[in-house]
Structure formats: C-alpha cells, structure tokens
Amino acid sequence: YYDVNALSNFVADARNVIGFDPFESLVDYLEMRARFGVGVA
C-alpha cells in the first residue's frame, strides 16, 4: 500500500469513467451521519 487518503482522488469525469458520481454518494453518507448525530472527523 503506497497511498491512503481520507478522501479519494477521482478522475475528472467520474460519471463517464466509473458509471456514477462518487461525490453524490459521499454527500449522502455525510448527510446520514449528520442526521443521526454521528460526528464526522
């Protein structure tokens, strides 16, 4: 393992390369954490 990132680096056109926008999923996850009062470090 040579690189571990708290936020992954995605390609510029992720939707076309991997088939979805990973940042939409990240926002959904962070909103869920905030809604249930779980801290986001």
PDB file of all heavy atoms in Angstrom:
ATOM      1  N   TYR A   1       0.866  -1.180   0.000  1.00  0.00           N
ATOM      2  CA  TYR A   1       0.000   0.000   0.000  1.00  0.00           C
ATOM      3  C   TYR A   1       0.902   1.229   0.000  1.00  0.00           C
ATOM      4  O   TYR A   1       1.767   1.365   0.850  1.00  0.00           O
ATOM      5  CB  TYR A   1      -0.902   0.007   1.232  1.00  0.00           C
ATOM      6  CG  TYR A   1      -1.799  -1.199   1.265  1.00  0.00           C
ATOM      7  CD1 TYR A   1      -1.437  -2.345   1.967  1.00  0.00           C
ATOM      8  CD2 TYR A   1      -2.985  -1.207   0.567  1.00  0.00           C
ATOM      9  CE1 TYR A   1      -2.245  -3.460   1.968  1.00  0.00           C
ATOM     10  CE2 TYR A   1      -3.802  -2.327   0.556  1.00  0.00           C
ATOM     11  CZ  TYR A   1      -3.429  -3.439   1.261  1.00  0.00           C
ATOM     12  OH  TYR A   1      -4.214  -4.545   1.254  1.00  0.00           O
ATOM     13  N   TYR A   2       0.703   2.126  -0.951  1.00  0.00           N
ATOM     14  CA  TYR A   2       1.583   3.283  -1.027  1.00  0.00           C
ATOM     15  C   TYR A   2       0.859   4.607  -0.883  1.00  0.00           C
ATOM     16  O   TYR A   2       1.493   5.659  -0.811  1.00  0.00           O
ATOM     17  CB  TYR A   2       2.398   3.273  -2.332  1.00  0.00           C
ATOM     18  CG  TYR A   2       1.577   3.353  -3.598  1.00  0.00           C
ATOM     19  CD1 TYR A   2       1.228   4.580  -4.137  1.00  0.00           C
ATOM     20  CD2 TYR A   2       1.156   2.202  -4.247  1.00  0.00           C
ATOM     21  CE1 TYR A   2       0.486   4.658  -5.301  1.00  0.00           C
ATOM     22  CE2 TYR A   2       0.417   2.266  -5.407  1.00  0.00           C
ATOM     23  CZ  TYR A   2       0.086   3.494  -5.930  1.00  0.00           C
ATOM     24  OH  TYR A   2      -0.653   3.550  -7.078  1.00  0.00           O
ATOM     25  N   ASP A   3      -0.469   4.600  -0.791  1.00  0.00           N
ATOM     26  CA  ASP A   3      -1.190   5.863  -0.634  1.00  0.00           C
ATOM     27  C   ASP A   3      -2.534   5.579   0.014  1.00  0.00           C
ATOM     28  O   ASP A   3      -3.306   4.764  -0.476  1.00  0.00           O
ATOM     29  CB  ASP A   3      -1.386   6.520  -1.997  1.00  0.00           C
ATOM     30  CG  ASP A   3      -1.838   7.964  -1.912  1.00  0.00           C
ATOM     31  OD1 ASP A   3      -1.776   8.549  -0.810  1.00  0.00           O
ATOM     32  OD2 ASP A   3      -2.260   8.514  -2.942  1.00  0.00           O
ATOM     33  N   VAL A   4      -2.796   6.223   1.132  1.00  0.00           N
ATOM     34  CA  VAL A   4      -4.079   6.110   1.818  1.00  0.00           C
ATOM     35  C   VAL A   4      -4.595   7.530   2.005  1.00  0.00           C
ATOM     36  O   VAL A   4      -3.911   8.371   2.575  1.00  0.00           O
ATOM     37  CB  VAL A   4      -3.934   5.397   3.185  1.00  0.00           C
ATOM     38  CG1 VAL A   4      -5.250   5.395   3.937  1.00  0.00           C
ATOM     39  CG2 VAL A   4      -3.406   3.980   2.995  1.00  0.00           C
ATOM     40  N   ASN A   5      -5.794   7.795   1.476  1.00  0.00           N
ATOM     41  CA  ASN A   5      -6.368   9.138   1.529  1.00  0.00           C
ATOM     42  C   ASN A   5      -7.704   9.122   2.247  1.00  0.00           C
ATOM     43  O   ASN A   5      -8.533   8.256   1.983  1.00  0.00           O
ATOM     44  CB  ASN A   5      -6.617   9.674   0.110  1.00  0.00           C
ATOM     45  CG  ASN A   5      -5.344   9.874  -0.645  1.00  0.00           C
ATOM     46  OD1 ASN A   5      -4.517  10.674  -0.263  1.00  0.00           O
ATOM     47  ND2 ASN A   5      -5.169   9.132  -1.725  1.00  0.00           N
ATOM     48  N   ALA A   6      -7.907  10.125   3.101  1.00  0.00           N
ATOM     49  CA  ALA A   6      -9.200  10.253   3.762  1.00  0.00           C
ATOM     50  C   ALA A   6     -10.290  10.583   2.751  1.00  0.00           C
ATOM     51  O   ALA A   6     -11.444  10.245   2.942  1.00  0.00           O
ATOM     52  CB  ALA A   6      -9.139  11.319   4.844  1.00  0.00           C
ATOM     53  N   LEU A   7      -9.952  11.221   1.682  1.00  0.00           N
ATOM     54  CA  LEU A   7     -10.870  11.440   0.564  1.00  0.00           C
ATOM     55  C   LEU A   7     -10.149  10.992  -0.682  1.00  0.00           C
ATOM     56  O   LEU A   7      -9.082  11.482  -1.016  1.00  0.00           O
ATOM     57  CB  LEU A   7     -11.271  12.911   0.433  1.00  0.00           C
ATOM     58  CG  LEU A   7     -12.203  13.426   1.516  1.00  0.00           C
ATOM     59  CD1 LEU A   7     -12.414  14.924   1.369  1.00  0.00           C
ATOM     60  CD2 LEU A   7     -13.543  12.712   1.462  1.00  0.00           C
ATOM     61  N   SER A   8     -10.732  10.063  -1.373  1.00  0.00           N
ATOM     62  CA  SER A   8     -10.086   9.510  -2.551  1.00  0.00           C
ATOM     63  C   SER A   8     -10.027  10.535  -3.682  1.00  0.00           C
ATOM     64  O   SER A   8     -10.868  11.416  -3.784  1.00  0.00           O
ATOM     65  CB  SER A   8     -10.860   8.279  -3.023  1.00  0.00           C
ATOM     66  OG  SER A   8     -10.187   7.675  -4.093  1.00  0.00           O
ATOM     67  N   ASN A   9      -9.041  10.395  -4.516  1.00  0.00           N
ATOM     68  CA  ASN A   9      -8.903  11.245  -5.696  1.00  0.00           C
ATOM     69  C   ASN A   9      -9.558  10.536  -6.868  1.00  0.00           C
ATOM     70  O   ASN A   9      -9.124   9.466  -7.260  1.00  0.00           O
ATOM     71  CB  ASN A   9      -7.430  11.486  -6.020  1.00  0.00           C
ATOM     72  CG  ASN A   9      -6.725  12.162  -4.882  1.00  0.00           C
ATOM     73  OD1 ASN A   9      -7.271  13.048  -4.254  1.00  0.00           O
ATOM     74  ND2 ASN A   9      -5.514  11.741  -4.605  1.00  0.00           N
ATOM     75  N   PHE A  10     -10.603  11.135  -7.400  1.00  0.00           N
ATOM     76  CA  PHE A  10     -11.298  10.535  -8.523  1.00  0.00           C
ATOM     77  C   PHE A  10     -10.904  11.238  -9.806  1.00  0.00           C
ATOM     78  O   PHE A  10     -10.423  12.360  -9.799  1.00  0.00           O
ATOM     79  CB  PHE A  10     -12.816  10.618  -8.333  1.00  0.00           C
ATOM     80  CG  PHE A  10     -13.321   9.694  -7.282  1.00  0.00           C
ATOM     81  CD1 PHE A  10     -13.655  10.165  -6.034  1.00  0.00           C
ATOM     82  CD2 PHE A  10     -13.459   8.344  -7.540  1.00  0.00           C
ATOM     83  CE1 PHE A  10     -14.112   9.304  -5.057  1.00  0.00           C
ATOM     84  CE2 PHE A  10     -13.924   7.475  -6.568  1.00  0.00           C
ATOM     85  CZ  PHE A  10     -14.254   7.959  -5.325  1.00  0.00           C
ATOM     86  N   VAL A  11     -11.132  10.575 -10.888  1.00  0.00           N
ATOM     87  CA  VAL A  11     -10.857  11.148 -12.201  1.00  0.00           C
ATOM     88  C   VAL A  11     -11.793  12.322 -12.448  1.00  0.00           C
ATOM     89  O   VAL A  11     -12.837  12.444 -11.829  1.00  0.00           O
ATOM     90  CB  VAL A  11     -11.009  10.098 -13.315  1.00  0.00           C
ATOM     91  CG1 VAL A  11     -10.000   8.995 -13.169  1.00  0.00           C
ATOM     92  CG2 VAL A  11     -12.408   9.535 -13.336  1.00  0.00           C
ATOM     93  N   ALA A  12     -11.419  13.191 -13.370  1.00  0.00           N
ATOM     94  CA  ALA A  12     -12.184  14.405 -13.634  1.00  0.00           C
ATOM     95  C   ALA A  12     -13.604  14.109 -14.104  1.00  0.00           C
ATOM     96  O   ALA A  12     -14.524  14.832 -13.775  1.00  0.00           O
ATOM     97  CB  ALA A  12     -11.455  15.263 -14.657  1.00  0.00           C
ATOM     98  N   ASP A  13     -13.812  13.057 -14.868  1.00  0.00           N
ATOM     99  CA  ASP A  13     -15.117  12.745 -15.425  1.00  0.00           C
ATOM    100  C   ASP A  13     -15.599  11.398 -14.879  1.00  0.00           C
ATOM    101  O   ASP A  13     -15.876  10.462 -15.628  1.00  0.00           O
ATOM    102  CB  ASP A  13     -15.038  12.723 -16.954  1.00  0.00           C
ATOM    103  CG  ASP A  13     -16.392  12.684 -17.611  1.00  0.00           C
ATOM    104  OD1 ASP A  13     -17.420  12.880 -16.915  1.00  0.00           O
ATOM    105  OD2 ASP A  13     -16.451  12.427 -18.825  1.00  0.00           O
ATOM    106  N   ALA A  14     -15.728  11.324 -13.567  1.00  0.00           N
ATOM    107  CA  ALA A  14     -16.030  10.057 -12.901  1.00  0.00           C
ATOM    108  C   ALA A  14     -17.309   9.418 -13.415  1.00  0.00           C
ATOM    109  O   ALA A  14     -17.361   8.203 -13.616  1.00  0.00           O
ATOM    110  CB  ALA A  14     -16.121  10.264 -11.397  1.00  0.00           C
ATOM    111  N   ARG A  15     -18.355  10.199 -13.634  1.00  0.00           N
ATOM    112  CA  ARG A  15     -19.636   9.619 -14.057  1.00  0.00           C
ATOM    113  C   ARG A  15     -19.466   8.775 -15.317  1.00  0.00           C
ATOM    114  O   ARG A  15     -20.000   7.681 -15.426  1.00  0.00           O
ATOM    115  CB  ARG A  15     -20.682  10.702 -14.282  1.00  0.00           C
ATOM    116  CG  ARG A  15     -22.039  10.122 -14.657  1.00  0.00           C
ATOM    117  CD  ARG A  15     -23.131  11.161 -14.720  1.00  0.00           C
ATOM    118  NE  ARG A  15     -23.322  11.927 -13.514  1.00  0.00           N
ATOM    119  CZ  ARG A  15     -23.990  11.495 -12.436  1.00  0.00           C
ATOM    120  NH1 ARG A  15     -24.492  10.289 -12.418  1.00  0.00           N
ATOM    121  NH2 ARG A  15     -24.134  12.279 -11.395  1.00  0.00           N
ATOM    122  N   ASN A  16     -18.680   9.249 -16.270  1.00  0.00           N
ATOM    123  CA  ASN A  16     -18.482   8.504 -17.506  1.00  0.00           C
ATOM    124  C   ASN A  16     -17.450   7.388 -17.368  1.00  0.00           C
ATOM    125  O   ASN A  16     -17.527   6.387 -18.063  1.00  0.00           O
ATOM    126  CB  ASN A  16     -18.098   9.438 -18.652  1.00  0.00           C
ATOM    127  CG  ASN A  16     -19.277  10.287 -19.097  1.00  0.00           C
ATOM    128  OD1 ASN A  16     -20.402   9.830 -19.146  1.00  0.00           O
ATOM    129  ND2 ASN A  16     -19.003  11.537 -19.402  1.00  0.00           N
ATOM    130  N   VAL A  17     -16.493   7.553 -16.476  1.00  0.00           N
ATOM    131  CA  VAL A  17     -15.437   6.556 -16.330  1.00  0.00           C
ATOM    132  C   VAL A  17     -15.884   5.379 -15.468  1.00  0.00           C
ATOM    133  O   VAL A  17     -15.675   4.226 -15.820  1.00  0.00           O
ATOM    134  CB  VAL A  17     -14.148   7.197 -15.766  1.00  0.00           C
ATOM    135  CG1 VAL A  17     -13.096   6.150 -15.452  1.00  0.00           C
ATOM    136  CG2 VAL A  17     -13.606   8.227 -16.748  1.00  0.00           C
ATOM    137  N   ILE A  18     -16.507   5.675 -14.315  1.00  0.00           N
ATOM    138  CA  ILE A  18     -16.894   4.595 -13.400  1.00  0.00           C
ATOM    139  C   ILE A  18     -18.394   4.372 -13.332  1.00  0.00           C
ATOM    140  O   ILE A  18     -18.859   3.473 -12.660  1.00  0.00           O
ATOM    141  CB  ILE A  18     -16.314   4.808 -11.982  1.00  0.00           C
ATOM    142  CG1 ILE A  18     -16.871   6.082 -11.346  1.00  0.00           C
ATOM    143  CG2 ILE A  18     -14.816   4.802 -12.013  1.00  0.00           C
ATOM    144  CD1 ILE A  18     -16.451   6.276  -9.896  1.00  0.00           C
ATOM    145  N   GLY A  19     -19.174   5.209 -14.012  1.00  0.00           N
ATOM    146  CA  GLY A  19     -20.606   4.978 -14.109  1.00  0.00           C
ATOM    147  C   GLY A  19     -21.472   5.662 -13.077  1.00  0.00           C
ATOM    148  O   GLY A  19     -22.687   5.517 -13.095  1.00  0.00           O
ATOM    149  N   PHE A  20     -20.876   6.396 -12.156  1.00  0.00           N
ATOM    150  CA  PHE A  20     -21.656   7.160 -11.172  1.00  0.00           C
ATOM    151  C   PHE A  20     -20.788   8.286 -10.640  1.00  0.00           C
ATOM    152  O   PHE A  20     -19.572   8.295 -10.813  1.00  0.00           O
ATOM    153  CB  PHE A  20     -22.155   6.263 -10.035  1.00  0.00           C
ATOM    154  CG  PHE A  20     -21.053   5.731  -9.147  1.00  0.00           C
ATOM    155  CD1 PHE A  20     -20.729   6.368  -7.967  1.00  0.00           C
ATOM    156  CD2 PHE A  20     -20.346   4.587  -9.492  1.00  0.00           C
ATOM    157  CE1 PHE A  20     -19.715   5.881  -7.141  1.00  0.00           C
ATOM    158  CE2 PHE A  20     -19.343   4.087  -8.682  1.00  0.00           C
ATOM    159  CZ  PHE A  20     -19.021   4.744  -7.502  1.00  0.00           C
ATOM    160  N   ASP A  21     -21.432   9.254  -9.978  1.00  0.00           N
ATOM    161  CA  ASP A  21     -20.696  10.368  -9.374  1.00  0.00           C
ATOM    162  C   ASP A  21     -20.401  10.009  -7.918  1.00  0.00           C
ATOM    163  O   ASP A  21     -21.315   9.982  -7.092  1.00  0.00           O
ATOM    164  CB  ASP A  21     -21.523  11.648  -9.450  1.00  0.00           C
ATOM    165  CG  ASP A  21     -20.789  12.855  -8.901  1.00  0.00           C
ATOM    166  OD1 ASP A  21     -19.743  12.696  -8.237  1.00  0.00           O
ATOM    167  OD2 ASP A  21     -21.266  13.979  -9.136  1.00  0.00           O
ATOM    168  N   PRO A  22     -19.161   9.706  -7.585  1.00  0.00           N
ATOM    169  CA  PRO A  22     -18.849   9.270  -6.225  1.00  0.00           C
ATOM    170  C   PRO A  22     -19.107  10.344  -5.181  1.00  0.00           C
ATOM    171  O   PRO A  22     -19.373  10.033  -4.027  1.00  0.00           O
ATOM    172  CB  PRO A  22     -17.362   8.914  -6.301  1.00  0.00           C
ATOM    173  CG  PRO A  22     -16.854   9.671  -7.473  1.00  0.00           C
ATOM    174  CD  PRO A  22     -17.982   9.758  -8.438  1.00  0.00           C
ATOM    175  N   PHE A  23     -19.085  11.596  -5.579  1.00  0.00           N
ATOM    176  CA  PHE A  23     -19.298  12.662  -4.611  1.00  0.00           C
ATOM    177  C   PHE A  23     -20.764  12.756  -4.187  1.00  0.00           C
ATOM    178  O   PHE A  23     -21.063  13.177  -3.078  1.00  0.00           O
ATOM    179  CB  PHE A  23     -18.754  13.984  -5.136  1.00  0.00           C
ATOM    180  CG  PHE A  23     -17.260  13.954  -5.234  1.00  0.00           C
ATOM    181  CD1 PHE A  23     -16.639  13.880  -6.458  1.00  0.00           C
ATOM    182  CD2 PHE A  23     -16.473  13.943  -4.090  1.00  0.00           C
ATOM    183  CE1 PHE A  23     -15.255  13.822  -6.550  1.00  0.00           C
ATOM    184  CE2 PHE A  23     -15.092  13.876  -4.169  1.00  0.00           C
ATOM    185  CZ  PHE A  23     -14.483  13.818  -5.396  1.00  0.00           C
ATOM    186  N   GLU A  24     -21.690  12.325  -5.041  1.00  0.00           N
ATOM    187  CA  GLU A  24     -23.092  12.256  -4.631  1.00  0.00           C
ATOM    188  C   GLU A  24     -23.240  11.250  -3.502  1.00  0.00           C
ATOM    189  O   GLU A  24     -23.940  11.508  -2.519  1.00  0.00           O
ATOM    190  CB  GLU A  24     -23.979  11.872  -5.814  1.00  0.00           C
ATOM    191  CG  GLU A  24     -24.107  12.950  -6.867  1.00  0.00           C
ATOM    192  CD  GLU A  24     -24.880  12.492  -8.095  1.00  0.00           C
ATOM    193  OE1 GLU A  24     -25.374  11.333  -8.109  1.00  0.00           O
ATOM    194  OE2 GLU A  24     -24.995  13.293  -9.040  1.00  0.00           O
ATOM    195  N   SER A  25     -22.595  10.107  -3.629  1.00  0.00           N
ATOM    196  CA  SER A  25     -22.651   9.093  -2.571  1.00  0.00           C
ATOM    197  C   SER A  25     -21.983   9.601  -1.299  1.00  0.00           C
ATOM    198  O   SER A  25     -22.465   9.331  -0.188  1.00  0.00           O
ATOM    199  CB  SER A  25     -21.958   7.806  -3.034  1.00  0.00           C
ATOM    200  OG  SER A  25     -22.625   7.267  -4.140  1.00  0.00           O
ATOM    201  N   LEU A  26     -20.892  10.336  -1.432  1.00  0.00           N
ATOM    202  CA  LEU A  26     -20.205  10.892  -0.269  1.00  0.00           C
ATOM    203  C   LEU A  26     -21.115  11.874   0.457  1.00  0.00           C
ATOM    204  O   LEU A  26     -21.239  11.832   1.685  1.00  0.00           O
ATOM    205  CB  LEU A  26     -18.901  11.581  -0.691  1.00  0.00           C
ATOM    206  CG  LEU A  26     -18.157  12.318   0.417  1.00  0.00           C
ATOM    207  CD1 LEU A  26     -17.759  11.375   1.537  1.00  0.00           C
ATOM    208  CD2 LEU A  26     -16.945  13.034  -0.154  1.00  0.00           C
ATOM    209  N   VAL A  27     -21.777  12.749  -0.282  1.00  0.00           N
ATOM    210  CA  VAL A  27     -22.683  13.716   0.339  1.00  0.00           C
ATOM    211  C   VAL A  27     -23.830  12.990   1.039  1.00  0.00           C
ATOM    212  O   VAL A  27     -24.196  13.338   2.167  1.00  0.00           O
ATOM    213  CB  VAL A  27     -23.207  14.732  -0.697  1.00  0.00           C
ATOM    214  CG1 VAL A  27     -24.343  15.569  -0.127  1.00  0.00           C
ATOM    215  CG2 VAL A  27     -22.074  15.632  -1.178  1.00  0.00           C
ATOM    216  N   ASP A  28     -24.397  11.975   0.399  1.00  0.00           N
ATOM    217  CA  ASP A  28     -25.471  11.199   1.025  1.00  0.00           C
ATOM    218  C   ASP A  28     -24.988  10.593   2.342  1.00  0.00           C
ATOM    219  O   ASP A  28     -25.692  10.620   3.357  1.00  0.00           O
ATOM    220  CB  ASP A  28     -25.951  10.082   0.098  1.00  0.00           C
ATOM    221  CG  ASP A  28     -26.708  10.609  -1.116  1.00  0.00           C
ATOM    222  OD1 ASP A  28     -27.107  11.792  -1.112  1.00  0.00           O
ATOM    223  OD2 ASP A  28     -26.871   9.822  -2.073  1.00  0.00           O
ATOM    224  N   TYR A  29     -23.780  10.053   2.340  1.00  0.00           N
ATOM    225  CA  TYR A  29     -23.218   9.440   3.539  1.00  0.00           C
ATOM    226  C   TYR A  29     -23.024  10.480   4.651  1.00  0.00           C
ATOM    227  O   TYR A  29     -23.409  10.255   5.804  1.00  0.00           O
ATOM    228  CB  TYR A  29     -21.885   8.771   3.195  1.00  0.00           C
ATOM    229  CG  TYR A  29     -21.125   8.271   4.389  1.00  0.00           C
ATOM    230  CD1 TYR A  29     -21.499   7.100   5.030  1.00  0.00           C
ATOM    231  CD2 TYR A  29     -20.029   8.983   4.878  1.00  0.00           C
ATOM    232  CE1 TYR A  29     -20.804   6.638   6.134  1.00  0.00           C
ATOM    233  CE2 TYR A  29     -19.330   8.528   5.979  1.00  0.00           C
ATOM    234  CZ  TYR A  29     -19.718   7.362   6.611  1.00  0.00           C
ATOM    235  OH  TYR A  29     -19.033   6.923   7.696  1.00  0.00           O
ATOM    236  N   LEU A  30     -22.466  11.620   4.305  1.00  0.00           N
ATOM    237  CA  LEU A  30     -22.231  12.664   5.304  1.00  0.00           C
ATOM    238  C   LEU A  30     -23.548  13.205   5.860  1.00  0.00           C
ATOM    239  O   LEU A  30     -23.656  13.469   7.065  1.00  0.00           O
ATOM    240  CB  LEU A  30     -21.391  13.791   4.697  1.00  0.00           C
ATOM    241  CG  LEU A  30     -19.959  13.394   4.329  1.00  0.00           C
ATOM    242  CD1 LEU A  30     -19.266  14.545   3.612  1.00  0.00           C
ATOM    243  CD2 LEU A  30     -19.168  12.942   5.539  1.00  0.00           C
ATOM    244  N   GLU A  31     -24.554  13.356   4.989  1.00  0.00           N
ATOM    245  CA  GLU A  31     -25.865  13.803   5.463  1.00  0.00           C
ATOM    246  C   GLU A  31     -26.470  12.791   6.428  1.00  0.00           C
ATOM    247  O   GLU A  31     -27.061  13.164   7.446  1.00  0.00           O
ATOM    248  CB  GLU A  31     -26.812  14.039   4.287  1.00  0.00           C
ATOM    249  CG  GLU A  31     -26.497  15.301   3.510  1.00  0.00           C
ATOM    250  CD  GLU A  31     -27.399  15.486   2.303  1.00  0.00           C
ATOM    251  OE1 GLU A  31     -28.036  14.499   1.845  1.00  0.00           O
ATOM    252  OE2 GLU A  31     -27.475  16.630   1.813  1.00  0.00           O
ATOM    253  N   MET A  32     -26.328  11.507   6.136  1.00  0.00           N
ATOM    254  CA  MET A  32     -26.847  10.470   7.015  1.00  0.00           C
ATOM    255  C   MET A  32     -26.138  10.535   8.369  1.00  0.00           C
ATOM    256  O   MET A  32     -26.773  10.466   9.418  1.00  0.00           O
ATOM    257  CB  MET A  32     -26.651   9.086   6.375  1.00  0.00           C
ATOM    258  CG  MET A  32     -27.201   7.922   7.195  1.00  0.00           C
ATOM    259  SD  MET A  32     -26.086   7.179   8.404  1.00  0.00           S
ATOM    260  CE  MET A  32     -24.642   6.817   7.450  1.00  0.00           C
ATOM    261  N   ARG A  33     -24.826  10.700   8.354  1.00  0.00           N
ATOM    262  CA  ARG A  33     -24.074  10.799   9.619  1.00  0.00           C
ATOM    263  C   ARG A  33     -24.548  11.997  10.433  1.00  0.00           C
ATOM    264  O   ARG A  33     -24.736  11.898  11.644  1.00  0.00           O
ATOM    265  CB  ARG A  33     -22.576  10.918   9.347  1.00  0.00           C
ATOM    266  CG  ARG A  33     -21.908   9.740   8.680  1.00  0.00           C
ATOM    267  CD  ARG A  33     -21.593   8.604   9.621  1.00  0.00           C
ATOM    268  NE  ARG A  33     -20.822   8.983  10.770  1.00  0.00           N
ATOM    269  CZ  ARG A  33     -19.569   8.593  11.018  1.00  0.00           C
ATOM    270  NH1 ARG A  33     -18.942   7.827  10.151  1.00  0.00           N
ATOM    271  NH2 ARG A  33     -18.964   8.960  12.113  1.00  0.00           N
ATOM    272  N   ALA A  34     -24.744  13.125   9.757  1.00  0.00           N
ATOM    273  CA  ALA A  34     -25.183  14.330  10.461  1.00  0.00           C
ATOM    274  C   ALA A  34     -26.610  14.154  11.002  1.00  0.00           C
ATOM    275  O   ALA A  34     -26.904  14.577  12.125  1.00  0.00           O
ATOM    276  CB  ALA A  34     -25.114  15.531   9.512  1.00  0.00           C
ATOM    277  N   ARG A  35     -27.466  13.530  10.238  1.00  0.00           N
ATOM    278  CA  ARG A  35     -28.872  13.331  10.630  1.00  0.00           C
ATOM    279  C   ARG A  35     -28.962  12.490  11.892  1.00  0.00           C
ATOM    280  O   ARG A  35     -29.809  12.731  12.745  1.00  0.00           O
ATOM    281  CB  ARG A  35     -29.627  12.662   9.489  1.00  0.00           C
ATOM    282  CG  ARG A  35     -31.125  12.597   9.706  1.00  0.00           C
ATOM    283  CD  ARG A  35     -31.888  12.040   8.493  1.00  0.00           C
ATOM    284  NE  ARG A  35     -31.499  12.710   7.270  1.00  0.00           N
ATOM    285  CZ  ARG A  35     -30.978  12.086   6.196  1.00  0.00           C
ATOM    286  NH1 ARG A  35     -30.795  10.776   6.214  1.00  0.00           N
ATOM    287  NH2 ARG A  35     -30.644  12.750   5.120  1.00  0.00           N
ATOM    288  N   PHE A  36     -28.097  11.511  12.023  1.00  0.00           N
ATOM    289  CA  PHE A  36     -28.156  10.632  13.189  1.00  0.00           C
ATOM    290  C   PHE A  36     -27.188  11.049  14.291  1.00  0.00           C
ATOM    291  O   PHE A  36     -26.962  10.319  15.241  1.00  0.00           O
ATOM    292  CB  PHE A  36     -27.889   9.168  12.760  1.00  0.00           C
ATOM    293  CG  PHE A  36     -29.019   8.608  11.943  1.00  0.00           C
ATOM    294  CD1 PHE A  36     -28.899   8.512  10.567  1.00  0.00           C
ATOM    295  CD2 PHE A  36     -30.195   8.226  12.546  1.00  0.00           C
ATOM    296  CE1 PHE A  36     -29.939   8.001   9.803  1.00  0.00           C
ATOM    297  CE2 PHE A  36     -31.255   7.725  11.806  1.00  0.00           C
ATOM    298  CZ  PHE A  36     -31.117   7.623  10.420  1.00  0.00           C
ATOM    299  N   GLY A  37     -26.633  12.244  14.159  1.00  0.00           N
ATOM    300  CA  GLY A  37     -25.798  12.798  15.217  1.00  0.00           C
ATOM    301  C   GLY A  37     -24.461  12.112  15.382  1.00  0.00           C
ATOM    302  O   GLY A  37     -23.860  12.167  16.435  1.00  0.00           O
ATOM    303  N   VAL A  38     -23.982  11.471  14.319  1.00  0.00           N
ATOM    304  CA  VAL A  38     -22.679  10.808  14.377  1.00  0.00           C
ATOM    305  C   VAL A  38     -21.651  11.791  13.857  1.00  0.00           C
ATOM    306  O   VAL A  38     -21.795  12.309  12.743  1.00  0.00           O
ATOM    307  CB  VAL A  38     -22.679   9.522  13.517  1.00  0.00           C
ATOM    308  CG1 VAL A  38     -21.314   8.859  13.557  1.00  0.00           C
ATOM    309  CG2 VAL A  38     -23.767   8.578  13.987  1.00  0.00           C
ATOM    310  N   GLY A  39     -20.650  12.066  14.654  1.00  0.00           N
ATOM    311  CA  GLY A  39     -19.635  13.027  14.241  1.00  0.00           C
ATOM    312  C   GLY A  39     -18.894  12.599  12.996  1.00  0.00           C
ATOM    313  O   GLY A  39     -18.712  11.424  12.731  1.00  0.00           O
ATOM    314  N   VAL A  40     -18.510  13.565  12.245  1.00  0.00           N
ATOM    315  CA  VAL A  40     -17.700  13.330  11.049  1.00  0.00           C
ATOM    316  C   VAL A  40     -16.345  13.937  11.322  1.00  0.00           C
ATOM    317  O   VAL A  40     -16.216  15.133  11.511  1.00  0.00           O
ATOM    318  CB  VAL A  40     -18.343  13.976   9.799  1.00  0.00           C
ATOM    319  CG1 VAL A  40     -17.456  13.751   8.589  1.00  0.00           C
ATOM    320  CG2 VAL A  40     -19.724  13.415   9.577  1.00  0.00           C
ATOM    321  N   ALA A  41     -15.344  13.089  11.404  1.00  0.00           N
ATOM    322  CA  ALA A  41     -13.990  13.571  11.746  1.00  0.00           C
ATOM    323  C   ALA A  41     -13.269  14.052  10.533  1.00  0.00           C
ATOM    324  O   ALA A  41     -13.449  13.638   9.447  1.00  0.00           O
ATOM    325  CB  ALA A  41     -13.207  12.459  12.426  1.00  0.00           C
TER     326      ALA A  41
END
